[in-house]
Amino acid sequence: MTDSPAAPSPYEVLGVSATVSQEELRRAYRRLARATHPDTGGTAAAFQAVQTAWELVGDPEDRARYDRGESLVVDAVSGESGGGGFSATVHPTRASARGATVRARSYGHPGGRARERFLTLMREWMGRGSDADPYDPALVRSAPREIRMLLAEALAEEATARAVSGLGIGFTIWNDVAVHPATDAKLDHIVLGPAGLFAVRSADWGGEVKLAKGELTGAGIRRDEEPFHELYASAKSFGRQAGVRFTGLLVVVPDDALAVPFDIVQRGRLSGSLVVRRSLLPKVLRDGANAAGRESVDRAFELRPRLQEAVRFV
């Protein structure tokens, strides 16, 4: 269990409301501990999730601290553990130079649409006239998962934009790019550099993911959700109208969500697509997903004005 807003809360893991009594909580834990134990037909992962949930809320004092949001400290810009809670601060529209370091060109508002939707739904859920901070960790934890997922999406996109911005002046990043005026689809990031043109999705499903039969699966991924196929369709639609072809497709996840540094789709039309830990993303973008697909430096510079003309932000 992580501090990601997308992760199931201990109450969701234990299958109870956050308002149940301590005795009801204890009964739910005991029932699930028996049901999920490997010796009684459960799995080690499910059993561990139940134990972790109980460690967070099993003791009344620990439960009170959890309900106040005291252990949930995730930096809103980096998406990594920190001390500031859920801040409204976001990645700047265009990266600026820091000291002598020349940053990559960055356009658009990473995570902007997800932030707006999060705030709209959060304020509706909080109730008209409420002056509470929608980023308060205790409130975020108690919100419905569909609202928490929007904040997790925004945090993931902001963290990716921040990681990529350090690649240098040879790279250009467009964030929150509209795929087509007739659809609501978007590309989280388009990254152009010496290694090629990449369509990137930033994701945080609140738990581990893995590749299976050419698609991402995981407890937090809906059965009808196909992250790679959706990214492929969006990239193809944008590429057709912009007159460009993407070198590779990347899905970026938090480091602890992937058991290996990266994994690659081996067959089918998605062959060569990567799911990659966020910390490894700059290296992948510098070196290219594969040597055969690497673009020339001249080609990258030719594509930039074409993309600048074609890109529209959501």
C-alpha atoms as a PDB file:
ATOM      1  CA  MET A   1       0.000   0.000   0.000  1.00  0.00           C
ATOM      2  CA  THR A   2       1.447   3.374  -1.023  1.00  0.00           C
ATOM      3  CA  ASP A   3       0.628   6.993  -0.255  1.00  0.00           C
ATOM      4  CA  SER A   4      -0.587   7.476  -3.813  1.00  0.00           C
ATOM      5  CA  PRO A   5      -4.078   9.017  -3.848  1.00  0.00           C
ATOM      6  CA  ALA A   6      -5.033   6.253  -6.283  1.00  0.00           C
ATOM      7  CA  ALA A   7      -4.137   3.486  -3.825  1.00  0.00           C
ATOM      8  CA  PRO A   8      -7.007   1.722  -2.030  1.00  0.00           C
ATOM      9  CA  SER A   9      -7.480   3.071   1.474  1.00  0.00           C
ATOM     10  CA  PRO A  10      -7.179   0.647   4.405  1.00  0.00           C
ATOM     11  CA  TYR A  11     -10.951   0.800   4.757  1.00  0.00           C
ATOM     12  CA  GLU A  12     -11.413  -0.156   1.109  1.00  0.00           C
ATOM     13  CA  VAL A  13      -8.978  -3.053   1.522  1.00  0.00           C
ATOM     14  CA  LEU A  14     -10.895  -4.242   4.590  1.00  0.00           C
ATOM     15  CA  GLY A  15     -14.237  -3.738   2.864  1.00  0.00           C
ATOM     16  CA  VAL A  16     -15.759  -1.374   5.413  1.00  0.00           C
ATOM     17  CA  SER A  17     -16.817   2.244   5.706  1.00  0.00           C
ATOM     18  CA  ALA A  18     -14.387   4.735   7.229  1.00  0.00           C
ATOM     19  CA  THR A  19     -17.005   5.424   9.913  1.00  0.00           C
ATOM     20  CA  VAL A  20     -17.323   1.882  11.318  1.00  0.00           C
ATOM     21  CA  SER A  21     -16.593   1.206  14.941  1.00  0.00           C
ATOM     22  CA  GLN A  22     -13.252  -0.208  16.018  1.00  0.00           C
ATOM     23  CA  GLU A  23     -14.901  -3.521  16.854  1.00  0.00           C
ATOM     24  CA  GLU A  24     -16.498  -3.764  13.394  1.00  0.00           C
ATOM     25  CA  LEU A  25     -13.117  -2.956  11.892  1.00  0.00           C
ATOM     26  CA  ARG A  26     -11.515  -5.735  13.940  1.00  0.00           C
ATOM     27  CA  ARG A  27     -14.127  -8.267  12.820  1.00  0.00           C
ATOM     28  CA  ALA A  28     -13.586  -7.306   9.171  1.00  0.00           C
ATOM     29  CA  TYR A  29      -9.832  -7.720   9.575  1.00  0.00           C
ATOM     30  CA  ARG A  30     -10.124 -11.146  11.188  1.00  0.00           C
ATOM     31  CA  ARG A  31     -12.518 -12.351   8.494  1.00  0.00           C
ATOM     32  CA  LEU A  32     -10.272 -11.173   5.672  1.00  0.00           C
ATOM     33  CA  ALA A  33      -7.089 -12.409   7.346  1.00  0.00           C
ATOM     34  CA  ARG A  34      -8.544 -15.905   7.329  1.00  0.00           C
ATOM     35  CA  ALA A  35      -9.940 -15.632   3.801  1.00  0.00           C
ATOM     36  CA  THR A  36      -6.751 -14.263   2.231  1.00  0.00           C
ATOM     37  CA  HIS A  37      -4.214 -16.441   4.045  1.00  0.00           C
ATOM     38  CA  PRO A  38      -2.325 -18.680   1.570  1.00  0.00           C
ATOM     39  CA  ASP A  39      -3.054 -21.732   3.746  1.00  0.00           C
ATOM     40  CA  THR A  40      -6.803 -21.208   3.281  1.00  0.00           C
ATOM     41  CA  GLY A  41      -6.808 -20.501  -0.453  1.00  0.00           C
ATOM     42  CA  GLY A  42      -5.739 -16.867  -0.474  1.00  0.00           C
ATOM     43  CA  THR A  43      -2.619 -15.285  -1.906  1.00  0.00           C
ATOM     44  CA  ALA A  44       0.446 -13.795  -0.278  1.00  0.00           C
ATOM     45  CA  ALA A  45      -0.207 -10.424  -1.933  1.00  0.00           C
ATOM     46  CA  ALA A  46      -3.811 -10.225  -0.729  1.00  0.00           C
ATOM     47  CA  PHE A  47      -2.845 -11.328   2.760  1.00  0.00           C
ATOM     48  CA  GLN A  48      -0.071  -8.721   2.927  1.00  0.00           C
ATOM     49  CA  ALA A  49      -2.462  -5.989   1.783  1.00  0.00           C
ATOM     50  CA  VAL A  50      -4.823  -6.855   4.626  1.00  0.00           C
ATOM     51  CA  GLN A  51      -1.973  -6.829   7.145  1.00  0.00           C
ATOM     52  CA  THR A  52      -0.727  -3.458   5.902  1.00  0.00           C
ATOM     53  CA  ALA A  53      -4.229  -1.998   6.116  1.00  0.00           C
ATOM     54  CA  TRP A  54      -4.574  -3.245   9.680  1.00  0.00           C
ATOM     55  CA  GLU A  55      -1.212  -1.757  10.654  1.00  0.00           C
ATOM     56  CA  LEU A  56      -2.477   1.639   9.515  1.00  0.00           C
ATOM     57  CA  VAL A  57      -5.882   1.661  11.233  1.00  0.00           C
ATOM     58  CA  GLY A  58      -5.997  -1.313  13.627  1.00  0.00           C
ATOM     59  CA  ASP A  59      -4.879   0.707  16.629  1.00  0.00           C
ATOM     60  CA  PRO A  60      -7.258   3.572  17.537  1.00  0.00           C
ATOM     61  CA  GLU A  61      -4.410   6.076  17.818  1.00  0.00           C
ATOM     62  CA  ASP A  62      -2.897   4.987  14.502  1.00  0.00           C
ATOM     63  CA  ARG A  63      -6.347   5.162  12.954  1.00  0.00           C
ATOM     64  CA  ALA A  64      -6.836   8.711  14.208  1.00  0.00           C
ATOM     65  CA  ARG A  65      -3.481   9.740  12.750  1.00  0.00           C
ATOM     66  CA  TYR A  66      -4.343   8.106   9.427  1.00  0.00           C
ATOM     67  CA  ASP A  67      -7.753   9.803   9.339  1.00  0.00           C
ATOM     68  CA  ARG A  68      -6.040  13.162   9.901  1.00  0.00           C
ATOM     69  CA  GLY A  69      -3.815  12.433   6.909  1.00  0.00           C
ATOM     70  CA  GLU A  70      -0.613  12.729   8.906  1.00  0.00           C
ATOM     71  CA  SER A  71       1.324  10.051   7.019  1.00  0.00           C
ATOM     72  CA  LEU A  72       0.226  11.138   3.565  1.00  0.00           C
ATOM     73  CA  VAL A  73       2.969  13.487   2.407  1.00  0.00           C
ATOM     74  CA  VAL A  74       3.327  13.472  -1.355  1.00  0.00           C
ATOM     75  CA  ASP A  75       4.836  16.405  -3.180  1.00  0.00           C
ATOM     76  CA  ALA A  76       2.393  17.599  -5.828  1.00  0.00           C
ATOM     77  CA  VAL A  77       5.091  18.553  -8.312  1.00  0.00           C
ATOM     78  CA  SER A  78       7.448  15.598  -8.133  1.00  0.00           C
ATOM     79  CA  GLY A  79       4.892  12.988  -7.136  1.00  0.00           C
ATOM     80  CA  GLU A  80       7.441  11.600  -4.679  1.00  0.00           C
ATOM     81  CA  SER A  81       7.344  11.378  -0.906  1.00  0.00           C
ATOM     82  CA  GLY A  82       7.954  14.681   0.758  1.00  0.00           C
ATOM     83  CA  GLY A  83       6.808  16.858   3.599  1.00  0.00           C
ATOM     84  CA  GLY A  84       4.316  19.200   2.007  1.00  0.00           C
ATOM     85  CA  GLY A  85       1.156  17.180   1.490  1.00  0.00           C
ATOM     86  CA  PHE A  86      -1.023  17.740  -1.559  1.00  0.00           C
ATOM     87  CA  SER A  87      -0.149  21.209  -2.791  1.00  0.00           C
ATOM     88  CA  ALA A  88      -1.883  23.213  -5.491  1.00  0.00           C
ATOM     89  CA  THR A  89       1.518  24.062  -6.951  1.00  0.00           C
ATOM     90  CA  VAL A  90       2.013  22.724 -10.461  1.00  0.00           C
ATOM     91  CA  HIS A  91       4.798  22.482 -13.000  1.00  0.00           C
ATOM     92  CA  PRO A  92       5.372  25.813 -14.806  1.00  0.00           C
ATOM     93  CA  THR A  93       3.993  26.286 -18.300  1.00  0.00           C
ATOM     94  CA  ARG A  94       7.472  26.633 -19.681  1.00  0.00           C
ATOM     95  CA  ALA A  95      10.559  25.396 -17.916  1.00  0.00           C
ATOM     96  CA  SER A  96      13.002  28.093 -16.890  1.00  0.00           C
ATOM     97  CA  ALA A  97      16.744  27.923 -16.533  1.00  0.00           C
ATOM     98  CA  ARG A  98      18.093  27.130 -13.086  1.00  0.00           C
ATOM     99  CA  GLY A  99      21.565  28.523 -12.584  1.00  0.00           C
ATOM    100  CA  ALA A 100      23.805  27.532 -15.475  1.00  0.00           C
ATOM    101  CA  THR A 101      21.659  24.551 -16.457  1.00  0.00           C
ATOM    102  CA  VAL A 102      19.735  24.957 -19.701  1.00  0.00           C
ATOM    103  CA  ARG A 103      16.388  23.227 -19.411  1.00  0.00           C
ATOM    104  CA  ALA A 104      14.385  21.485 -22.108  1.00  0.00           C
ATOM    105  CA  ARG A 105      11.718  23.524 -23.852  1.00  0.00           C
ATOM    106  CA  SER A 106       8.374  22.709 -22.228  1.00  0.00           C
ATOM    107  CA  TYR A 107       4.940  23.871 -23.358  1.00  0.00           C
ATOM    108  CA  GLY A 108       1.462  23.375 -22.030  1.00  0.00           C
ATOM    109  CA  HIS A 109       0.218  22.584 -18.553  1.00  0.00           C
ATOM    110  CA  PRO A 110       1.123  19.050 -17.389  1.00  0.00           C
ATOM    111  CA  GLY A 111      -1.714  17.584 -15.373  1.00  0.00           C
ATOM    112  CA  GLY A 112      -3.799  20.702 -15.884  1.00  0.00           C
ATOM    113  CA  ARG A 113      -6.980  19.040 -17.083  1.00  0.00           C
ATOM    114  CA  ALA A 114      -6.829  16.358 -14.410  1.00  0.00           C
ATOM    115  CA  ARG A 115      -6.312  19.047 -11.741  1.00  0.00           C
ATOM    116  CA  GLU A 116      -9.312  21.022 -12.962  1.00  0.00           C
ATOM    117  CA  ARG A 117     -11.532  17.947 -12.978  1.00  0.00           C
ATOM    118  CA  PHE A 118     -10.283  16.899  -9.562  1.00  0.00           C
ATOM    119  CA  LEU A 119     -11.089  20.303  -8.077  1.00  0.00           C
ATOM    120  CA  THR A 120     -14.542  20.408  -9.689  1.00  0.00           C
ATOM    121  CA  LEU A 121     -15.547  16.960  -8.426  1.00  0.00           C
ATOM    122  CA  MET A 122     -13.861  17.451  -5.054  1.00  0.00           C
ATOM    123  CA  ARG A 123     -15.774  20.667  -4.400  1.00  0.00           C
ATOM    124  CA  GLU A 124     -19.043  19.026  -5.460  1.00  0.00           C
ATOM    125  CA  TRP A 125     -18.338  16.150  -3.091  1.00  0.00           C
ATOM    126  CA  MET A 126     -17.331  18.500  -0.236  1.00  0.00           C
ATOM    127  CA  GLY A 127     -20.571  20.406  -0.609  1.00  0.00           C
ATOM    128  CA  ARG A 128     -21.613  23.863  -1.705  1.00  0.00           C
ATOM    129  CA  GLY A 129     -20.111  26.625   0.362  1.00  0.00           C
ATOM    130  CA  SER A 130     -17.389  24.521   1.951  1.00  0.00           C
ATOM    131  CA  ASP A 131     -14.172  26.447   2.542  1.00  0.00           C
ATOM    132  CA  ALA A 132     -12.077  23.356   3.321  1.00  0.00           C
ATOM    133  CA  ASP A 133      -8.793  22.840   1.461  1.00  0.00           C
ATOM    134  CA  PRO A 134      -9.514  20.292  -1.330  1.00  0.00           C
ATOM    135  CA  TYR A 135      -5.883  19.146  -1.106  1.00  0.00           C
ATOM    136  CA  ASP A 136      -6.077  18.397   2.604  1.00  0.00           C
ATOM    137  CA  PRO A 137      -4.705  14.837   2.940  1.00  0.00           C
ATOM    138  CA  ALA A 138      -7.485  13.738   5.287  1.00  0.00           C
ATOM    139  CA  LEU A 139     -10.144  14.938   2.832  1.00  0.00           C
ATOM    140  CA  VAL A 140      -8.371  13.382  -0.136  1.00  0.00           C
ATOM    141  CA  ARG A 141      -8.185  10.029   1.648  1.00  0.00           C
ATOM    142  CA  SER A 142     -11.894  10.039   2.376  1.00  0.00           C
ATOM    143  CA  ALA A 143     -12.944  11.065  -1.145  1.00  0.00           C
ATOM    144  CA  PRO A 144     -14.333   8.498  -3.639  1.00  0.00           C
ATOM    145  CA  ARG A 145     -11.662   6.690  -5.600  1.00  0.00           C
ATOM    146  CA  GLU A 146     -12.662   8.228  -8.948  1.00  0.00           C
ATOM    147  CA  ILE A 147     -11.824  11.650  -7.488  1.00  0.00           C
ATOM    148  CA  ARG A 148      -8.551  10.447  -5.969  1.00  0.00           C
ATOM    149  CA  MET A 149      -7.577   8.932  -9.323  1.00  0.00           C
ATOM    150  CA  LEU A 150      -7.752  12.365 -10.951  1.00  0.00           C
ATOM    151  CA  LEU A 151      -5.305  13.790  -8.428  1.00  0.00           C
ATOM    152  CA  ALA A 152      -3.020  10.786  -8.924  1.00  0.00           C
ATOM    153  CA  GLU A 153      -3.154  11.410 -12.691  1.00  0.00           C
ATOM    154  CA  ALA A 154      -2.235  15.075 -12.252  1.00  0.00           C
ATOM    155  CA  LEU A 155       0.625  14.250  -9.899  1.00  0.00           C
ATOM    156  CA  ALA A 156       1.971  11.624 -12.301  1.00  0.00           C
ATOM    157  CA  GLU A 157       1.915  14.000 -15.276  1.00  0.00           C
ATOM    158  CA  GLU A 158       3.579  16.774 -13.300  1.00  0.00           C
ATOM    159  CA  ALA A 159       6.285  14.392 -12.074  1.00  0.00           C
ATOM    160  CA  THR A 160       7.022  13.212 -15.614  1.00  0.00           C
ATOM    161  CA  ALA A 161       7.234  16.779 -16.919  1.00  0.00           C
ATOM    162  CA  ARG A 162       9.653  17.637 -14.154  1.00  0.00           C
ATOM    163  CA  ALA A 163      11.844  14.596 -14.859  1.00  0.00           C
ATOM    164  CA  VAL A 164      11.973  15.316 -18.591  1.00  0.00           C
ATOM    165  CA  SER A 165      12.657  19.032 -18.193  1.00  0.00           C
ATOM    166  CA  GLY A 166      16.216  18.289 -17.079  1.00  0.00           C
ATOM    167  CA  LEU A 167      17.175  16.614 -20.349  1.00  0.00           C
ATOM    168  CA  GLY A 168      18.522  19.838 -21.845  1.00  0.00           C
ATOM    169  CA  ILE A 169      17.962  22.193 -24.756  1.00  0.00           C
ATOM    170  CA  GLY A 170      17.987  19.398 -27.335  1.00  0.00           C
ATOM    171  CA  PHE A 171      14.570  18.256 -26.111  1.00  0.00           C
ATOM    172  CA  THR A 172      11.113  19.757 -26.503  1.00  0.00           C
ATOM    173  CA  ILE A 173       8.082  18.644 -24.497  1.00  0.00           C
ATOM    174  CA  TRP A 174       4.419  19.405 -25.159  1.00  0.00           C
ATOM    175  CA  ASN A 175       2.057  18.559 -22.288  1.00  0.00           C
ATOM    176  CA  ASP A 176      -1.683  17.859 -22.247  1.00  0.00           C
ATOM    177  CA  VAL A 177      -1.999  17.813 -26.023  1.00  0.00           C
ATOM    178  CA  ALA A 178      -5.420  17.483 -27.666  1.00  0.00           C
ATOM    179  CA  VAL A 179      -5.613  14.526 -30.048  1.00  0.00           C
ATOM    180  CA  HIS A 180      -8.466  15.776 -32.220  1.00  0.00           C
ATOM    181  CA  PRO A 181     -11.123  18.505 -31.872  1.00  0.00           C
ATOM    182  CA  ALA A 182     -13.884  15.927 -32.171  1.00  0.00           C
ATOM    183  CA  THR A 183     -12.738  13.823 -29.196  1.00  0.00           C
ATOM    184  CA  ASP A 184     -11.900  14.236 -25.541  1.00  0.00           C
ATOM    185  CA  ALA A 185      -8.723  12.173 -25.926  1.00  0.00           C
ATOM    186  CA  LYS A 186      -5.322  13.656 -25.191  1.00  0.00           C
ATOM    187  CA  LEU A 187      -1.652  12.799 -25.140  1.00  0.00           C
ATOM    188  CA  ASP A 188      -0.147  13.440 -21.730  1.00  0.00           C
ATOM    189  CA  HIS A 189       3.213  14.340 -23.253  1.00  0.00           C
ATOM    190  CA  ILE A 190       4.887  14.506 -26.635  1.00  0.00           C
ATOM    191  CA  VAL A 191       8.681  14.467 -26.320  1.00  0.00           C
ATOM    192  CA  LEU A 192      10.990  15.325 -29.205  1.00  0.00           C
ATOM    193  CA  GLY A 193      14.721  14.821 -28.953  1.00  0.00           C
ATOM    194  CA  PRO A 194      17.749  13.419 -30.763  1.00  0.00           C
ATOM    195  CA  ALA A 195      16.513   9.863 -30.125  1.00  0.00           C
ATOM    196  CA  GLY A 196      13.165  10.490 -31.783  1.00  0.00           C
ATOM    197  CA  LEU A 197       9.563  11.485 -31.200  1.00  0.00           C
ATOM    198  CA  PHE A 198       7.769   9.806 -28.293  1.00  0.00           C
ATOM    199  CA  ALA A 199       4.153   9.690 -27.174  1.00  0.00           C
ATOM    200  CA  VAL A 200       4.150   9.359 -23.388  1.00  0.00           C
ATOM    201  CA  ARG A 201       1.420   8.505 -20.935  1.00  0.00           C
ATOM    202  CA  SER A 202       1.965   9.184 -17.237  1.00  0.00           C
ATOM    203  CA  ALA A 203      -0.001   6.871 -14.973  1.00  0.00           C
ATOM    204  CA  ASP A 204      -0.435   5.922 -11.342  1.00  0.00           C
ATOM    205  CA  TRP A 205      -2.991   3.237 -10.599  1.00  0.00           C
ATOM    206  CA  GLY A 206      -2.116   3.086  -6.924  1.00  0.00           C
ATOM    207  CA  GLY A 207      -0.408  -0.302  -7.057  1.00  0.00           C
ATOM    208  CA  GLU A 208       1.758  -2.649  -9.062  1.00  0.00           C
ATOM    209  CA  VAL A 209       1.294  -3.168 -12.795  1.00  0.00           C
ATOM    210  CA  LYS A 210       2.808  -5.614 -15.269  1.00  0.00           C
ATOM    211  CA  LEU A 211       2.750  -6.520 -18.929  1.00  0.00           C
ATOM    212  CA  ALA A 212       0.602  -9.485 -19.868  1.00  0.00           C
ATOM    213  CA  LYS A 213      -0.193 -10.460 -23.454  1.00  0.00           C
ATOM    214  CA  GLY A 214       0.885  -7.088 -24.809  1.00  0.00           C
ATOM    215  CA  GLU A 215      -1.125  -4.944 -22.401  1.00  0.00           C
ATOM    216  CA  LEU A 216      -0.770  -3.541 -18.915  1.00  0.00           C
ATOM    217  CA  THR A 217      -2.657  -5.225 -16.106  1.00  0.00           C
ATOM    218  CA  GLY A 218      -2.926  -4.550 -12.401  1.00  0.00           C
ATOM    219  CA  ALA A 219      -5.388  -4.395  -9.534  1.00  0.00           C
ATOM    220  CA  GLY A 220      -5.994  -0.689 -10.105  1.00  0.00           C
ATOM    221  CA  ILE A 221      -6.561  -0.956 -13.868  1.00  0.00           C
ATOM    222  CA  ARG A 222     -10.178  -1.394 -14.887  1.00  0.00           C
ATOM    223  CA  ARG A 223     -11.051  -4.460 -16.931  1.00  0.00           C
ATOM    224  CA  ASP A 224     -12.194  -2.280 -19.825  1.00  0.00           C
ATOM    225  CA  GLU A 225      -9.058  -0.128 -19.698  1.00  0.00           C
ATOM    226  CA  GLU A 226      -6.287  -0.789 -22.223  1.00  0.00           C
ATOM    227  CA  PRO A 227      -3.532   1.760 -21.536  1.00  0.00           C
ATOM    228  CA  PHE A 228      -1.225   0.821 -24.410  1.00  0.00           C
ATOM    229  CA  HIS A 229      -3.983   0.427 -26.987  1.00  0.00           C
ATOM    230  CA  GLU A 230      -5.487   3.760 -25.946  1.00  0.00           C
ATOM    231  CA  LEU A 231      -2.094   5.461 -26.215  1.00  0.00           C
ATOM    232  CA  TYR A 232      -1.542   3.850 -29.620  1.00  0.00           C
ATOM    233  CA  ALA A 233      -4.914   5.091 -30.904  1.00  0.00           C
ATOM    234  CA  SER A 234      -4.308   8.638 -29.641  1.00  0.00           C
ATOM    235  CA  ALA A 235      -0.788   8.775 -31.064  1.00  0.00           C
ATOM    236  CA  LYS A 236      -1.966   7.466 -34.423  1.00  0.00           C
ATOM    237  CA  SER A 237      -4.803   9.984 -34.614  1.00  0.00           C
ATOM    238  CA  PHE A 238      -2.561  12.909 -33.717  1.00  0.00           C
ATOM    239  CA  GLY A 239       0.227  11.730 -36.005  1.00  0.00           C
ATOM    240  CA  ARG A 240      -2.133  11.463 -38.955  1.00  0.00           C
ATOM    241  CA  GLN A 241      -3.362  15.041 -38.700  1.00  0.00           C
ATOM    242  CA  ALA A 242       0.076  16.469 -37.820  1.00  0.00           C
ATOM    243  CA  GLY A 243       1.904  14.531 -40.528  1.00  0.00           C
ATOM    244  CA  VAL A 244       4.368  12.946 -38.105  1.00  0.00           C
ATOM    245  CA  ARG A 245       5.177   9.420 -37.035  1.00  0.00           C
ATOM    246  CA  PHE A 246       6.102   8.527 -33.490  1.00  0.00           C
ATOM    247  CA  THR A 247       9.320   6.651 -32.832  1.00  0.00           C
ATOM    248  CA  GLY A 248       7.938   4.981 -29.721  1.00  0.00           C
ATOM    249  CA  LEU A 249       5.150   4.751 -27.169  1.00  0.00           C
ATOM    250  CA  LEU A 250       5.950   4.935 -23.462  1.00  0.00           C
ATOM    251  CA  VAL A 251       3.822   4.425 -20.357  1.00  0.00           C
ATOM    252  CA  VAL A 252       5.553   5.873 -17.287  1.00  0.00           C
ATOM    253  CA  VAL A 253       4.677   4.635 -13.792  1.00  0.00           C
ATOM    254  CA  PRO A 254       6.049   5.271 -10.291  1.00  0.00           C
ATOM    255  CA  ASP A 255       9.171   3.263  -9.557  1.00  0.00           C
ATOM    256  CA  ASP A 256       7.489   1.041  -6.967  1.00  0.00           C
ATOM    257  CA  ALA A 257       4.682   0.133  -9.385  1.00  0.00           C
ATOM    258  CA  LEU A 258       6.915  -1.952 -11.677  1.00  0.00           C
ATOM    259  CA  ALA A 259       8.902  -4.986 -10.531  1.00  0.00           C
ATOM    260  CA  VAL A 260      11.505  -4.469 -13.264  1.00  0.00           C
ATOM    261  CA  PRO A 261      13.099  -1.211 -14.501  1.00  0.00           C
ATOM    262  CA  PHE A 262      11.186  -1.486 -17.770  1.00  0.00           C
ATOM    263  CA  ASP A 263       9.314  -3.998 -19.879  1.00  0.00           C
ATOM    264  CA  ILE A 264       8.722  -4.069 -23.611  1.00  0.00           C
ATOM    265  CA  VAL A 265       5.844  -5.328 -25.750  1.00  0.00           C
ATOM    266  CA  GLN A 266       7.359  -8.035 -27.938  1.00  0.00           C
ATOM    267  CA  ARG A 267       4.718  -8.726 -30.590  1.00  0.00           C
ATOM    268  CA  GLY A 268       1.827  -7.206 -32.484  1.00  0.00           C
ATOM    269  CA  ARG A 269       1.183  -3.662 -33.599  1.00  0.00           C
ATOM    270  CA  LEU A 270       2.350  -2.404 -30.205  1.00  0.00           C
ATOM    271  CA  SER A 271       5.702  -4.149 -30.544  1.00  0.00           C
ATOM    272  CA  GLY A 272       8.484  -2.021 -29.078  1.00  0.00           C
ATOM    273  CA  SER A 273       6.244  -0.054 -26.737  1.00  0.00           C
ATOM    274  CA  LEU A 274       7.645   0.320 -23.231  1.00  0.00           C
ATOM    275  CA  VAL A 275       6.351   0.556 -19.697  1.00  0.00           C
ATOM    276  CA  VAL A 276       9.099   2.201 -17.678  1.00  0.00           C
ATOM    277  CA  ARG A 277       9.864   3.367 -14.169  1.00  0.00           C
ATOM    278  CA  ARG A 278       9.822   7.148 -13.896  1.00  0.00           C
ATOM    279  CA  SER A 279      13.441   7.333 -12.706  1.00  0.00           C
ATOM    280  CA  LEU A 280      14.568   5.557 -15.885  1.00  0.00           C
ATOM    281  CA  LEU A 281      12.567   7.742 -18.263  1.00  0.00           C
ATOM    282  CA  PRO A 282      15.303  10.369 -18.952  1.00  0.00           C
ATOM    283  CA  LYS A 283      17.736   7.617 -19.966  1.00  0.00           C
ATOM    284  CA  VAL A 284      15.187   6.023 -22.306  1.00  0.00           C
ATOM    285  CA  LEU A 285      14.443   9.372 -23.932  1.00  0.00           C
ATOM    286  CA  ARG A 286      18.140  10.165 -24.329  1.00  0.00           C
ATOM    287  CA  ASP A 287      19.167   6.765 -25.698  1.00  0.00           C
ATOM    288  CA  GLY A 288      15.994   5.789 -27.542  1.00  0.00           C
ATOM    289  CA  ALA A 289      13.767   2.804 -26.958  1.00  0.00           C
ATOM    290  CA  ASN A 290      15.740   0.839 -29.536  1.00  0.00           C
ATOM    291  CA  ALA A 291      18.645   1.632 -31.814  1.00  0.00           C
ATOM    292  CA  ALA A 292      16.749   0.775 -34.998  1.00  0.00           C
ATOM    293  CA  GLY A 293      14.075   3.390 -34.331  1.00  0.00           C
ATOM    294  CA  ARG A 294      16.445   6.230 -33.500  1.00  0.00           C
ATOM    295  CA  GLU A 295      15.935   9.397 -35.530  1.00  0.00           C
ATOM    296  CA  SER A 296      18.739  11.614 -36.813  1.00  0.00           C
ATOM    297  CA  VAL A 297      19.406  14.917 -35.042  1.00  0.00           C
ATOM    298  CA  ASP A 298      18.551  16.817 -38.230  1.00  0.00           C
ATOM    299  CA  ARG A 299      15.236  15.026 -38.466  1.00  0.00           C
ATOM    300  CA  ALA A 300      14.358  16.017 -34.906  1.00  0.00           C
ATOM    301  CA  PHE A 301      14.957  19.682 -35.675  1.00  0.00           C
ATOM    302  CA  GLU A 302      12.839  19.406 -38.813  1.00  0.00           C
ATOM    303  CA  LEU A 303       9.909  18.038 -36.816  1.00  0.00           C
ATOM    304  CA  ARG A 304       9.850  20.773 -34.169  1.00  0.00           C
ATOM    305  CA  PRO A 305       8.222  23.577 -36.233  1.00  0.00           C
ATOM    306  CA  ARG A 306       5.733  21.101 -37.677  1.00  0.00           C
ATOM    307  CA  LEU A 307       4.723  20.037 -34.183  1.00  0.00           C
ATOM    308  CA  GLN A 308       4.565  23.605 -32.935  1.00  0.00           C
ATOM    309  CA  GLU A 309       2.070  24.320 -35.699  1.00  0.00           C
ATOM    310  CA  ALA A 310       0.005  21.183 -35.074  1.00  0.00           C
ATOM    311  CA  VAL A 311      -0.162  21.022 -31.293  1.00  0.00           C
ATOM    312  CA  ARG A 312      -3.328  22.214 -29.548  1.00  0.00           C
ATOM    313  CA  PHE A 313      -3.670  21.961 -25.788  1.00  0.00           C
ATOM    314  CA  VAL A 314      -6.672  20.605 -23.895  1.00  0.00           C
END
